[in-house]
Amino acid sequence: MHKNNQKLRIGIIGAGNIVRTRHLPALTKHPEVEIIAVSNSTYESAEKFCSENLPDATPIKHWPDLVALPDIDIVWIGTPPYMHSAVTISALEAGKHVFCQARMSMDLAEAEEMLAASKRYPELVTMLCPAPFGLRGDLVVKKILAENYIGQPHHVRLQSFTGNYLDPHAPAHWRQKIEISGLNTLTLGIYVEVLQRWLGDITGVFARGKIIHPQREGYKVIIPDLLTVLCSFEEGAEGVLEFSSINALAQDDRLEIYGSAGALIYDFTSDVVHAGKFGDRAPHVVDIPPELEGEWRVEEDFLAAIKSKGRVRPHPTFEDGVRYMHVVQAVADSRARNEWVVIKS
């Protein structure tokens, strides 16, 4: 499959900040990887990206032309969500492995189409970009919960606040534009991905949203600036998830899990874990031993899966993505209908 000198050849579609700062440095460390083409929102920006970062790569004006290149093995998607489904399905149909930036898609229907396409081509590796939050302490949290240290979790609280959209005169960010971002709202999908990794699937939601500054330079924003979600988990816990982009002096993002025997607190800003038992005076800092410390290994995981010829499946899988898009869709449906929405897995 791989022509001359066994290199894995990558074409990038969507060469924005995350590709430049995160993926590119990690990919270029691998001698067996070659990035040969880049397509961006405009030909000029693709040209500029290549000249600054990848002088040997070819800028391509239209992304379908990149997907059609016969000597590309991998399509690396760095675009906003509105393009994910179309590019992913085209790339799979062209016989390419696909790495797709998160959030998976605009809505649940698109996510399910992407998953169905990946199942039609099981020999091709697909992977979503994982949430960067909670990577360092991921295994320690799983260990604490598996060992029943805090007992049966019954109450979950998450807060994720910023002041990013407080300025009423700022233009709408692309994440505030439903035609680009879809139903994805604030950090909802990112944290649902993390929560479901630790606590199992969310089975129902009731959501309220508020838009503080609906008019931004003539653009009408309909994605909420503030979102509150009540939810239930398959293991029985109840949750309150709060998201905001209009909180001045916002505190760190944090998760609190209260169980029948204790509590676990994760500070996502510092990646520090606290835990304690009922009767303790206060939670203590949980030491994360080096062998359990997680890190950003996204590119390595994806490339290793390709080299394994299907023996390894890198996470998050498209199934994982559909699981969090179920919740994103249900939150949107709940807000629209002002009612509790049950999520059928």
C-alpha atoms as a PDB file:
ATOM      1  CA  MET A   1       0.000   0.000   0.000  1.00  0.00           C
ATOM      2  CA  HIS A   2       2.783   2.454   0.836  1.00  0.00           C
ATOM      3  CA  LYS A   3       4.824   3.473  -2.142  1.00  0.00           C
ATOM      4  CA  ASN A   4       8.538   4.215  -2.233  1.00  0.00           C
ATOM      5  CA  ASN A   5      10.536   3.845   0.954  1.00  0.00           C
ATOM      6  CA  GLN A   6       7.636   2.668   3.123  1.00  0.00           C
ATOM      7  CA  LYS A   7       6.764   6.160   4.354  1.00  0.00           C
ATOM      8  CA  LEU A   8       3.307   6.986   5.642  1.00  0.00           C
ATOM      9  CA  ARG A   9       2.182   9.917   3.532  1.00  0.00           C
ATOM     10  CA  ILE A  10      -0.210  12.444   5.032  1.00  0.00           C
ATOM     11  CA  GLY A  11      -2.453  15.072   3.501  1.00  0.00           C
ATOM     12  CA  ILE A  12      -3.739  17.749   5.885  1.00  0.00           C
ATOM     13  CA  ILE A  13      -7.159  19.343   5.374  1.00  0.00           C
ATOM     14  CA  GLY A  14      -7.605  22.345   7.653  1.00  0.00           C
ATOM     15  CA  ALA A  15      -4.280  23.714   8.863  1.00  0.00           C
ATOM     16  CA  GLY A  16      -5.264  25.930  11.753  1.00  0.00           C
ATOM     17  CA  ASN A  17      -3.845  26.597  15.188  1.00  0.00           C
ATOM     18  CA  ILE A  18      -4.239  23.113  16.687  1.00  0.00           C
ATOM     19  CA  VAL A  19      -2.618  21.441  13.676  1.00  0.00           C
ATOM     20  CA  ARG A  20       0.270  23.900  13.720  1.00  0.00           C
ATOM     21  CA  THR A  21       0.917  23.888  17.482  1.00  0.00           C
ATOM     22  CA  ARG A  22      -0.014  20.318  18.516  1.00  0.00           C
ATOM     23  CA  HIS A  23      -0.145  17.804  15.683  1.00  0.00           C
ATOM     24  CA  LEU A  24       2.599  19.095  13.390  1.00  0.00           C
ATOM     25  CA  PRO A  25       5.457  19.051  15.968  1.00  0.00           C
ATOM     26  CA  ALA A  26       4.514  15.493  16.985  1.00  0.00           C
ATOM     27  CA  LEU A  27       4.127  14.197  13.423  1.00  0.00           C
ATOM     28  CA  THR A  28       7.364  15.689  12.112  1.00  0.00           C
ATOM     29  CA  LYS A  29       9.300  13.858  14.868  1.00  0.00           C
ATOM     30  CA  HIS A  30       8.537  10.572  13.094  1.00  0.00           C
ATOM     31  CA  PRO A  31      11.019   9.777  10.323  1.00  0.00           C
ATOM     32  CA  GLU A  32       8.579   7.362   8.661  1.00  0.00           C
ATOM     33  CA  VAL A  33       5.971  10.105   8.206  1.00  0.00           C
ATOM     34  CA  GLU A  34       5.879  12.532   5.313  1.00  0.00           C
ATOM     35  CA  ILE A  35       3.320  15.345   4.999  1.00  0.00           C
ATOM     36  CA  ILE A  36       2.993  15.857   1.258  1.00  0.00           C
ATOM     37  CA  ALA A  37      -0.060  18.087   0.748  1.00  0.00           C
ATOM     38  CA  VAL A  38      -2.074  20.729   2.599  1.00  0.00           C
ATOM     39  CA  SER A  39      -5.493  22.178   1.853  1.00  0.00           C
ATOM     40  CA  ASN A  40      -6.838  25.063   3.932  1.00  0.00           C
ATOM     41  CA  SER A  41      -9.753  27.513   3.898  1.00  0.00           C
ATOM     42  CA  THR A  42      -8.033  29.406   1.066  1.00  0.00           C
ATOM     43  CA  TYR A  43      -5.256  28.477  -1.343  1.00  0.00           C
ATOM     44  CA  GLU A  44      -3.224  31.448  -0.069  1.00  0.00           C
ATOM     45  CA  SER A  45      -3.408  30.262   3.534  1.00  0.00           C
ATOM     46  CA  ALA A  46      -2.415  26.722   2.488  1.00  0.00           C
ATOM     47  CA  GLU A  47       0.534  28.177   0.579  1.00  0.00           C
ATOM     48  CA  LYS A  48       1.557  30.268   3.589  1.00  0.00           C
ATOM     49  CA  PHE A  49       1.273  27.258   5.932  1.00  0.00           C
ATOM     50  CA  CYS A  50       3.491  25.170   3.637  1.00  0.00           C
ATOM     51  CA  SER A  51       6.108  27.881   3.161  1.00  0.00           C
ATOM     52  CA  GLU A  52       6.335  28.491   6.944  1.00  0.00           C
ATOM     53  CA  ASN A  53       6.125  24.885   8.175  1.00  0.00           C
ATOM     54  CA  LEU A  54       6.436  22.324   5.372  1.00  0.00           C
ATOM     55  CA  PRO A  55       8.407  23.716   2.418  1.00  0.00           C
ATOM     56  CA  ASP A  56       8.313  20.354   0.610  1.00  0.00           C
ATOM     57  CA  ALA A  57       4.523  19.945   0.834  1.00  0.00           C
ATOM     58  CA  THR A  58       2.158  20.979  -1.963  1.00  0.00           C
ATOM     59  CA  PRO A  59      -0.657  23.437  -1.229  1.00  0.00           C
ATOM     60  CA  ILE A  60      -3.960  22.247  -2.744  1.00  0.00           C
ATOM     61  CA  LYS A  61      -6.831  24.605  -3.516  1.00  0.00           C
ATOM     62  CA  HIS A  62      -9.831  22.233  -3.124  1.00  0.00           C
ATOM     63  CA  TRP A  63      -9.912  19.513  -0.476  1.00  0.00           C
ATOM     64  CA  PRO A  64     -11.509  16.854  -2.742  1.00  0.00           C
ATOM     65  CA  ASP A  65      -8.398  17.090  -4.947  1.00  0.00           C
ATOM     66  CA  LEU A  66      -6.238  16.297  -1.922  1.00  0.00           C
ATOM     67  CA  VAL A  67      -8.394  13.314  -0.940  1.00  0.00           C
ATOM     68  CA  ALA A  68      -8.097  12.007  -4.503  1.00  0.00           C
ATOM     69  CA  LEU A  69      -4.261  12.012  -4.519  1.00  0.00           C
ATOM     70  CA  PRO A  70      -3.262   8.361  -5.071  1.00  0.00           C
ATOM     71  CA  ASP A  71      -0.038   8.481  -3.035  1.00  0.00           C
ATOM     72  CA  ILE A  72      -1.639   9.683   0.224  1.00  0.00           C
ATOM     73  CA  ASP A  73      -2.191   7.075   2.951  1.00  0.00           C
ATOM     74  CA  ILE A  74      -3.682   9.308   5.668  1.00  0.00           C
ATOM     75  CA  VAL A  75      -6.059  12.261   5.622  1.00  0.00           C
ATOM     76  CA  TRP A  76      -5.536  14.450   8.704  1.00  0.00           C
ATOM     77  CA  ILE A  77      -8.636  16.600   9.279  1.00  0.00           C
ATOM     78  CA  GLY A  78      -8.087  19.832  11.206  1.00  0.00           C
ATOM     79  CA  THR A  79     -11.171  21.734  10.055  1.00  0.00           C
ATOM     80  CA  PRO A  80     -14.085  22.918  12.225  1.00  0.00           C
ATOM     81  CA  PRO A  81     -16.965  20.398  12.664  1.00  0.00           C
ATOM     82  CA  TYR A  82     -19.037  21.444   9.625  1.00  0.00           C
ATOM     83  CA  MET A  83     -16.597  19.662   7.263  1.00  0.00           C
ATOM     84  CA  HIS A  84     -15.806  16.571   9.337  1.00  0.00           C
ATOM     85  CA  SER A  85     -18.492  14.252   8.002  1.00  0.00           C
ATOM     86  CA  ALA A  86     -18.039  15.050   4.297  1.00  0.00           C
ATOM     87  CA  VAL A  87     -14.234  14.881   4.402  1.00  0.00           C
ATOM     88  CA  THR A  88     -14.145  11.722   6.542  1.00  0.00           C
ATOM     89  CA  ILE A  89     -16.544   9.772   4.337  1.00  0.00           C
ATOM     90  CA  SER A  90     -14.798  10.925   1.123  1.00  0.00           C
ATOM     91  CA  ALA A  91     -11.391   9.979   2.539  1.00  0.00           C
ATOM     92  CA  LEU A  92     -12.556   6.512   3.623  1.00  0.00           C
ATOM     93  CA  GLU A  93     -14.144   5.917   0.225  1.00  0.00           C
ATOM     94  CA  ALA A  94     -10.803   6.898  -1.335  1.00  0.00           C
ATOM     95  CA  GLY A  95      -9.038   4.252   0.784  1.00  0.00           C
ATOM     96  CA  LYS A  96      -7.325   6.587   3.257  1.00  0.00           C
ATOM     97  CA  HIS A  97      -6.893   6.258   7.017  1.00  0.00           C
ATOM     98  CA  VAL A  98      -8.587   9.179   8.813  1.00  0.00           C
ATOM     99  CA  PHE A  99      -7.600  11.248  11.822  1.00  0.00           C
ATOM    100  CA  CYS A 100     -10.362  13.734  12.637  1.00  0.00           C
ATOM    101  CA  GLN A 101     -10.212  16.746  14.895  1.00  0.00           C
ATOM    102  CA  ALA A 102     -12.774  16.882  17.708  1.00  0.00           C
ATOM    103  CA  ARG A 103     -15.733  17.667  18.073  1.00  0.00           C
ATOM    104  CA  MET A 104     -16.752  14.725  15.890  1.00  0.00           C
ATOM    105  CA  SER A 105     -19.522  16.336  13.850  1.00  0.00           C
ATOM    106  CA  MET A 106     -22.303  18.941  13.648  1.00  0.00           C
ATOM    107  CA  ASP A 107     -24.936  16.625  15.131  1.00  0.00           C
ATOM    108  CA  LEU A 108     -25.719  12.992  15.939  1.00  0.00           C
ATOM    109  CA  ALA A 109     -26.931  12.093  12.426  1.00  0.00           C
ATOM    110  CA  GLU A 110     -23.574  13.107  10.905  1.00  0.00           C
ATOM    111  CA  ALA A 111     -21.661  11.207  13.606  1.00  0.00           C
ATOM    112  CA  GLU A 112     -23.659   8.053  12.873  1.00  0.00           C
ATOM    113  CA  GLU A 113     -22.970   8.426   9.125  1.00  0.00           C
ATOM    114  CA  MET A 114     -19.234   8.699   9.877  1.00  0.00           C
ATOM    115  CA  LEU A 115     -19.349   5.586  12.070  1.00  0.00           C
ATOM    116  CA  ALA A 116     -21.280   3.650   9.411  1.00  0.00           C
ATOM    117  CA  ALA A 117     -18.688   4.628   6.777  1.00  0.00           C
ATOM    118  CA  SER A 118     -15.818   3.511   9.052  1.00  0.00           C
ATOM    119  CA  LYS A 119     -17.525   0.122   9.487  1.00  0.00           C
ATOM    120  CA  ARG A 120     -17.726  -0.291   5.701  1.00  0.00           C
ATOM    121  CA  TYR A 121     -13.913   0.012   5.589  1.00  0.00           C
ATOM    122  CA  PRO A 122     -12.722  -1.926   8.667  1.00  0.00           C
ATOM    123  CA  GLU A 123      -9.195  -2.197   7.260  1.00  0.00           C
ATOM    124  CA  LEU A 124      -8.807   1.592   7.514  1.00  0.00           C
ATOM    125  CA  VAL A 125      -7.841   3.181  10.844  1.00  0.00           C
ATOM    126  CA  THR A 126     -10.058   5.994  12.127  1.00  0.00           C
ATOM    127  CA  MET A 127      -9.480   8.091  15.232  1.00  0.00           C
ATOM    128  CA  LEU A 128     -10.877  11.270  16.767  1.00  0.00           C
ATOM    129  CA  CYS A 129      -8.705  13.799  18.535  1.00  0.00           C
ATOM    130  CA  PRO A 130      -9.086  13.158  22.281  1.00  0.00           C
ATOM    131  CA  ALA A 131     -10.071  15.772  24.824  1.00  0.00           C
ATOM    132  CA  PRO A 132      -6.860  17.277  26.242  1.00  0.00           C
ATOM    133  CA  PHE A 133      -8.511  17.585  29.676  1.00  0.00           C
ATOM    134  CA  GLY A 134      -7.905  14.941  32.302  1.00  0.00           C
ATOM    135  CA  LEU A 135      -5.168  13.118  30.385  1.00  0.00           C
ATOM    136  CA  ARG A 136      -2.559  13.337  33.145  1.00  0.00           C
ATOM    137  CA  GLY A 137      -4.704  11.774  35.863  1.00  0.00           C
ATOM    138  CA  ASP A 138      -6.899   9.556  33.691  1.00  0.00           C
ATOM    139  CA  LEU A 139      -5.552   6.193  34.912  1.00  0.00           C
ATOM    140  CA  VAL A 140      -5.451   7.314  38.555  1.00  0.00           C
ATOM    141  CA  VAL A 141      -9.114   8.388  38.454  1.00  0.00           C
ATOM    142  CA  LYS A 142     -10.072   5.065  36.851  1.00  0.00           C
ATOM    143  CA  LYS A 143      -8.075   3.223  39.534  1.00  0.00           C
ATOM    144  CA  ILE A 144      -9.712   5.152  42.437  1.00  0.00           C
ATOM    145  CA  LEU A 145     -13.180   4.459  41.022  1.00  0.00           C
ATOM    146  CA  ALA A 146     -12.414   0.791  40.197  1.00  0.00           C
ATOM    147  CA  GLU A 147     -11.101   0.171  43.728  1.00  0.00           C
ATOM    148  CA  ASN A 148     -14.342   1.601  45.136  1.00  0.00           C
ATOM    149  CA  TYR A 149     -12.331   4.101  47.227  1.00  0.00           C
ATOM    150  CA  ILE A 150     -15.196   6.635  47.256  1.00  0.00           C
ATOM    151  CA  GLY A 151     -17.888   3.942  47.200  1.00  0.00           C
ATOM    152  CA  GLN A 152     -20.796   4.102  44.766  1.00  0.00           C
ATOM    153  CA  PRO A 153     -20.745   7.510  42.981  1.00  0.00           C
ATOM    154  CA  HIS A 154     -24.103   9.225  43.445  1.00  0.00           C
ATOM    155  CA  HIS A 155     -23.545  12.939  42.754  1.00  0.00           C
ATOM    156  CA  VAL A 156     -21.418  14.509  40.010  1.00  0.00           C
ATOM    157  CA  ARG A 157     -20.706  18.243  39.648  1.00  0.00           C
ATOM    158  CA  LEU A 158     -18.763  19.771  36.777  1.00  0.00           C
ATOM    159  CA  GLN A 159     -18.009  23.427  36.177  1.00  0.00           C
ATOM    160  CA  SER A 160     -16.268  24.876  33.145  1.00  0.00           C
ATOM    161  CA  PHE A 161     -16.265  28.673  33.144  1.00  0.00           C
ATOM    162  CA  THR A 162     -14.437  31.323  31.118  1.00  0.00           C
ATOM    163  CA  GLY A 163     -14.942  34.991  30.365  1.00  0.00           C
ATOM    164  CA  ASN A 164     -14.172  34.527  26.653  1.00  0.00           C
ATOM    165  CA  TYR A 165     -17.467  35.969  25.362  1.00  0.00           C
ATOM    166  CA  LEU A 166     -18.002  38.712  27.948  1.00  0.00           C
ATOM    167  CA  ASP A 167     -17.122  41.531  25.533  1.00  0.00           C
ATOM    168  CA  PRO A 168     -20.415  42.450  23.817  1.00  0.00           C
ATOM    169  CA  HIS A 169     -18.525  44.264  21.027  1.00  0.00           C
ATOM    170  CA  ALA A 170     -16.352  41.314  19.985  1.00  0.00           C
ATOM    171  CA  PRO A 171     -17.292  39.603  16.710  1.00  0.00           C
ATOM    172  CA  ALA A 172     -18.798  36.109  16.913  1.00  0.00           C
ATOM    173  CA  HIS A 173     -16.148  33.409  17.338  1.00  0.00           C
ATOM    174  CA  TRP A 174     -16.505  30.468  14.918  1.00  0.00           C
ATOM    175  CA  ARG A 175     -17.519  28.276  17.869  1.00  0.00           C
ATOM    176  CA  GLN A 176     -20.529  30.590  18.331  1.00  0.00           C
ATOM    177  CA  LYS A 177     -21.676  30.020  14.737  1.00  0.00           C
ATOM    178  CA  ILE A 178     -24.043  27.069  14.427  1.00  0.00           C
ATOM    179  CA  GLU A 179     -23.350  26.691  10.691  1.00  0.00           C
ATOM    180  CA  ILE A 180     -19.655  26.040  11.484  1.00  0.00           C
ATOM    181  CA  SER A 181     -19.809  24.393  14.916  1.00  0.00           C
ATOM    182  CA  GLY A 182     -23.180  22.635  14.720  1.00  0.00           C
ATOM    183  CA  LEU A 183     -24.859  21.723  18.006  1.00  0.00           C
ATOM    184  CA  ASN A 184     -21.526  21.714  19.884  1.00  0.00           C
ATOM    185  CA  THR A 185     -21.847  24.160  22.763  1.00  0.00           C
ATOM    186  CA  LEU A 186     -18.965  25.584  24.804  1.00  0.00           C
ATOM    187  CA  THR A 187     -16.972  22.700  26.369  1.00  0.00           C
ATOM    188  CA  LEU A 188     -19.964  20.329  26.654  1.00  0.00           C
ATOM    189  CA  GLY A 189     -18.736  17.644  24.243  1.00  0.00           C
ATOM    190  CA  ILE A 190     -15.165  17.683  25.545  1.00  0.00           C
ATOM    191  CA  TYR A 191     -16.200  17.118  29.147  1.00  0.00           C
ATOM    192  CA  VAL A 192     -18.912  14.591  28.291  1.00  0.00           C
ATOM    193  CA  GLU A 193     -16.180  12.573  26.558  1.00  0.00           C
ATOM    194  CA  VAL A 194     -14.121  12.661  29.789  1.00  0.00           C
ATOM    195  CA  LEU A 195     -17.082  11.972  32.108  1.00  0.00           C
ATOM    196  CA  GLN A 196     -18.255   8.980  30.100  1.00  0.00           C
ATOM    197  CA  ARG A 197     -14.731   7.553  30.141  1.00  0.00           C
ATOM    198  CA  TRP A 198     -14.777   7.647  33.962  1.00  0.00           C
ATOM    199  CA  LEU A 199     -18.424   7.238  34.955  1.00  0.00           C
ATOM    200  CA  GLY A 200     -20.123   5.398  32.092  1.00  0.00           C
ATOM    201  CA  ASP A 201     -22.766   6.703  29.716  1.00  0.00           C
ATOM    202  CA  ILE A 202     -25.123   9.585  30.394  1.00  0.00           C
ATOM    203  CA  THR A 203     -28.655   8.206  29.985  1.00  0.00           C
ATOM    204  CA  GLY A 204     -30.804  11.340  30.170  1.00  0.00           C
ATOM    205  CA  VAL A 205     -30.563  15.143  30.266  1.00  0.00           C
ATOM    206  CA  PHE A 206     -32.517  18.286  31.000  1.00  0.00           C
ATOM    207  CA  ALA A 207     -30.786  21.400  29.694  1.00  0.00           C
ATOM    208  CA  ARG A 208     -31.225  25.168  29.921  1.00  0.00           C
ATOM    209  CA  GLY A 209     -29.257  27.693  27.894  1.00  0.00           C
ATOM    210  CA  LYS A 210     -28.986  31.468  27.777  1.00  0.00           C
ATOM    211  CA  ILE A 211     -27.526  33.816  25.182  1.00  0.00           C
ATOM    212  CA  ILE A 212     -26.286  37.010  26.837  1.00  0.00           C
ATOM    213  CA  HIS A 213     -25.119  38.838  23.695  1.00  0.00           C
ATOM    214  CA  PRO A 214     -27.202  37.538  20.763  1.00  0.00           C
ATOM    215  CA  GLN A 215     -26.096  40.243  18.327  1.00  0.00           C
ATOM    216  CA  ARG A 216     -22.438  40.345  17.341  1.00  0.00           C
ATOM    217  CA  GLU A 217     -21.529  42.724  14.521  1.00  0.00           C
ATOM    218  CA  GLY A 218     -24.789  41.919  12.747  1.00  0.00           C
ATOM    219  CA  TYR A 219     -24.497  38.159  13.296  1.00  0.00           C
ATOM    220  CA  LYS A 220     -27.281  36.548  15.349  1.00  0.00           C
ATOM    221  CA  VAL A 221     -25.822  34.031  17.822  1.00  0.00           C
ATOM    222  CA  ILE A 222     -28.070  31.074  18.693  1.00  0.00           C
ATOM    223  CA  ILE A 223     -25.494  28.886  20.490  1.00  0.00           C
ATOM    224  CA  PRO A 224     -25.791  29.570  24.256  1.00  0.00           C
ATOM    225  CA  ASP A 225     -23.198  31.588  26.195  1.00  0.00           C
ATOM    226  CA  LEU A 226     -24.344  29.755  29.327  1.00  0.00           C
ATOM    227  CA  LEU A 227     -25.497  26.141  29.609  1.00  0.00           C
ATOM    228  CA  THR A 228     -26.747  24.126  32.588  1.00  0.00           C
ATOM    229  CA  VAL A 229     -27.348  20.386  32.219  1.00  0.00           C
ATOM    230  CA  LEU A 230     -28.967  18.043  34.720  1.00  0.00           C
ATOM    231  CA  CYS A 231     -28.102  14.457  33.816  1.00  0.00           C
ATOM    232  CA  SER A 232     -28.281  10.853  34.952  1.00  0.00           C
ATOM    233  CA  PHE A 233     -25.562   8.215  34.519  1.00  0.00           C
ATOM    234  CA  GLU A 234     -26.103   4.537  33.708  1.00  0.00           C
ATOM    235  CA  GLU A 235     -24.634   3.505  37.079  1.00  0.00           C
ATOM    236  CA  GLY A 236     -27.188   5.633  38.932  1.00  0.00           C
ATOM    237  CA  ALA A 237     -25.341   8.884  39.687  1.00  0.00           C
ATOM    238  CA  GLU A 238     -27.039  12.244  39.117  1.00  0.00           C
ATOM    239  CA  GLY A 239     -25.069  15.120  37.654  1.00  0.00           C
ATOM    240  CA  VAL A 240     -25.116  18.905  37.374  1.00  0.00           C
ATOM    241  CA  LEU A 241     -22.912  20.171  34.538  1.00  0.00           C
ATOM    242  CA  GLU A 242     -22.382  23.930  34.237  1.00  0.00           C
ATOM    243  CA  PHE A 243     -20.740  25.634  31.272  1.00  0.00           C
ATOM    244  CA  SER A 244     -20.248  29.342  30.710  1.00  0.00           C
ATOM    245  CA  SER A 245     -18.224  31.736  28.589  1.00  0.00           C
ATOM    246  CA  ILE A 246     -19.528  34.872  30.273  1.00  0.00           C
ATOM    247  CA  ASN A 247     -18.166  34.493  33.815  1.00  0.00           C
ATOM    248  CA  ALA A 248     -15.813  37.245  34.947  1.00  0.00           C
ATOM    249  CA  LEU A 249     -13.038  36.094  37.314  1.00  0.00           C
ATOM    250  CA  ALA A 250     -13.833  32.470  36.446  1.00  0.00           C
ATOM    251  CA  GLN A 251     -12.292  29.803  38.673  1.00  0.00           C
ATOM    252  CA  ASP A 252     -10.519  26.672  37.417  1.00  0.00           C
ATOM    253  CA  ASP A 253     -12.475  23.969  35.584  1.00  0.00           C
ATOM    254  CA  ARG A 254     -13.236  21.215  38.076  1.00  0.00           C
ATOM    255  CA  LEU A 255     -15.114  17.990  38.559  1.00  0.00           C
ATOM    256  CA  GLU A 256     -16.456  16.733  41.897  1.00  0.00           C
ATOM    257  CA  ILE A 257     -17.611  13.132  42.301  1.00  0.00           C
ATOM    258  CA  TYR A 258     -19.372  12.312  45.580  1.00  0.00           C
ATOM    259  CA  GLY A 259     -19.825   8.670  46.498  1.00  0.00           C
ATOM    260  CA  SER A 260     -21.261   6.602  49.332  1.00  0.00           C
ATOM    261  CA  ALA A 261     -17.845   6.463  51.068  1.00  0.00           C
ATOM    262  CA  GLY A 262     -15.955   9.579  49.972  1.00  0.00           C
ATOM    263  CA  ALA A 263     -15.271  12.180  47.314  1.00  0.00           C
ATOM    264  CA  LEU A 264     -12.938  12.735  44.362  1.00  0.00           C
ATOM    265  CA  ILE A 265     -12.118  16.167  42.940  1.00  0.00           C
ATOM    266  CA  TYR A 266     -10.282  16.765  39.651  1.00  0.00           C
ATOM    267  CA  ASP A 267      -8.890  20.198  38.856  1.00  0.00           C
ATOM    268  CA  PHE A 268      -8.587  20.267  35.061  1.00  0.00           C
ATOM    269  CA  THR A 269      -6.579  23.483  35.013  1.00  0.00           C
ATOM    270  CA  SER A 270      -3.745  22.149  37.200  1.00  0.00           C
ATOM    271  CA  ASP A 271      -4.345  18.398  36.581  1.00  0.00           C
ATOM    272  CA  VAL A 272      -4.310  17.818  40.350  1.00  0.00           C
ATOM    273  CA  VAL A 273      -6.507  15.081  41.847  1.00  0.00           C
ATOM    274  CA  HIS A 274      -7.893  15.250  45.402  1.00  0.00           C
ATOM    275  CA  ALA A 275      -9.708  12.449  47.196  1.00  0.00           C
ATOM    276  CA  GLY A 276     -10.913  11.642  50.679  1.00  0.00           C
ATOM    277  CA  LYS A 277     -13.044   9.316  52.761  1.00  0.00           C
ATOM    278  CA  PHE A 278     -16.157  10.132  54.769  1.00  0.00           C
ATOM    279  CA  GLY A 279     -14.864  11.345  58.158  1.00  0.00           C
ATOM    280  CA  ASP A 280     -11.618  12.861  56.838  1.00  0.00           C
ATOM    281  CA  ARG A 281     -11.078  16.520  57.729  1.00  0.00           C
ATOM    282  CA  ALA A 282     -10.396  17.412  54.089  1.00  0.00           C
ATOM    283  CA  PRO A 283      -9.590  15.725  50.781  1.00  0.00           C
ATOM    284  CA  HIS A 284      -5.869  15.014  50.224  1.00  0.00           C
ATOM    285  CA  VAL A 285      -3.799  15.397  47.053  1.00  0.00           C
ATOM    286  CA  VAL A 286      -3.534  12.065  45.264  1.00  0.00           C
ATOM    287  CA  ASP A 287      -0.002  11.278  44.162  1.00  0.00           C
ATOM    288  CA  ILE A 288       0.172  10.326  40.477  1.00  0.00           C
ATOM    289  CA  PRO A 289       3.013   7.808  40.109  1.00  0.00           C
ATOM    290  CA  PRO A 290       5.076   8.210  36.907  1.00  0.00           C
ATOM    291  CA  GLU A 291       3.937   4.855  35.507  1.00  0.00           C
ATOM    292  CA  LEU A 292       0.288   5.978  35.728  1.00  0.00           C
ATOM    293  CA  GLU A 293       0.816   9.523  34.481  1.00  0.00           C
ATOM    294  CA  GLY A 294      -0.933  10.162  31.177  1.00  0.00           C
ATOM    295  CA  GLU A 295       0.287  12.505  28.455  1.00  0.00           C
ATOM    296  CA  TRP A 296      -0.497  13.687  24.930  1.00  0.00           C
ATOM    297  CA  ARG A 297       0.359  10.670  22.729  1.00  0.00           C
ATOM    298  CA  VAL A 298      -2.295  11.219  20.112  1.00  0.00           C
ATOM    299  CA  GLU A 299      -0.129  11.090  16.997  1.00  0.00           C
ATOM    300  CA  GLU A 300       1.925   8.115  18.276  1.00  0.00           C
ATOM    301  CA  ASP A 301      -1.270   6.188  19.068  1.00  0.00           C
ATOM    302  CA  PHE A 302      -2.727   6.796  15.613  1.00  0.00           C
ATOM    303  CA  LEU A 303       0.455   5.875  13.742  1.00  0.00           C
ATOM    304  CA  ALA A 304       0.965   2.775  15.926  1.00  0.00           C
ATOM    305  CA  ALA A 305      -2.561   1.613  15.052  1.00  0.00           C
ATOM    306  CA  ILE A 306      -1.838   1.934  11.328  1.00  0.00           C
ATOM    307  CA  LYS A 307       1.427   0.032  11.685  1.00  0.00           C
ATOM    308  CA  SER A 308      -0.359  -2.693  13.676  1.00  0.00           C
ATOM    309  CA  LYS A 309      -2.483  -3.487  10.567  1.00  0.00           C
ATOM    310  CA  GLY A 310      -5.707  -3.359  12.560  1.00  0.00           C
ATOM    311  CA  ARG A 311      -4.567  -5.170  15.711  1.00  0.00           C
ATOM    312  CA  VAL A 312      -4.713  -1.927  17.729  1.00  0.00           C
ATOM    313  CA  ARG A 313      -7.674   0.470  17.804  1.00  0.00           C
ATOM    314  CA  PRO A 314      -6.754   3.977  18.934  1.00  0.00           C
ATOM    315  CA  HIS A 315      -9.104   5.889  21.254  1.00  0.00           C
ATOM    316  CA  PRO A 316     -11.272   7.878  20.991  1.00  0.00           C
ATOM    317  CA  THR A 317     -12.872   5.625  18.363  1.00  0.00           C
ATOM    318  CA  PHE A 318     -15.779   6.754  16.195  1.00  0.00           C
ATOM    319  CA  GLU A 319     -17.980   4.750  18.609  1.00  0.00           C
ATOM    320  CA  ASP A 320     -16.673   6.929  21.478  1.00  0.00           C
ATOM    321  CA  GLY A 321     -17.503  10.008  19.392  1.00  0.00           C
ATOM    322  CA  VAL A 322     -21.051   8.833  18.698  1.00  0.00           C
ATOM    323  CA  ARG A 323     -21.466   8.274  22.459  1.00  0.00           C
ATOM    324  CA  TYR A 324     -20.677  11.922  23.252  1.00  0.00           C
ATOM    325  CA  MET A 325     -22.609  13.229  20.227  1.00  0.00           C
ATOM    326  CA  HIS A 326     -25.680  11.407  21.614  1.00  0.00           C
ATOM    327  CA  VAL A 327     -25.414  13.716  24.641  1.00  0.00           C
ATOM    328  CA  VAL A 328     -24.706  16.873  22.592  1.00  0.00           C
ATOM    329  CA  GLN A 329     -27.799  16.107  20.479  1.00  0.00           C
ATOM    330  CA  ALA A 330     -29.946  15.341  23.538  1.00  0.00           C
ATOM    331  CA  VAL A 331     -28.903  18.617  25.200  1.00  0.00           C
ATOM    332  CA  ALA A 332     -29.927  20.562  22.080  1.00  0.00           C
ATOM    333  CA  ASP A 333     -33.228  18.637  21.886  1.00  0.00           C
ATOM    334  CA  SER A 334     -33.909  19.216  25.594  1.00  0.00           C
ATOM    335  CA  ARG A 335     -33.309  22.958  25.275  1.00  0.00           C
ATOM    336  CA  ALA A 336     -35.567  23.147  22.215  1.00  0.00           C
ATOM    337  CA  ARG A 337     -38.401  21.165  23.808  1.00  0.00           C
ATOM    338  CA  ASN A 338     -37.852  22.266  27.431  1.00  0.00           C
ATOM    339  CA  GLU A 339     -38.114  18.684  28.655  1.00  0.00           C
ATOM    340  CA  TRP A 340     -36.148  15.703  29.973  1.00  0.00           C
ATOM    341  CA  VAL A 341     -34.656  13.713  27.082  1.00  0.00           C
ATOM    342  CA  VAL A 342     -33.822  10.024  27.494  1.00  0.00           C
ATOM    343  CA  ILE A 343     -30.682   8.885  25.636  1.00  0.00           C
ATOM    344  CA  LYS A 344     -31.015   5.437  24.087  1.00  0.00           C
ATOM    345  CA  SER A 345     -27.643   3.800  23.628  1.00  0.00           C
END
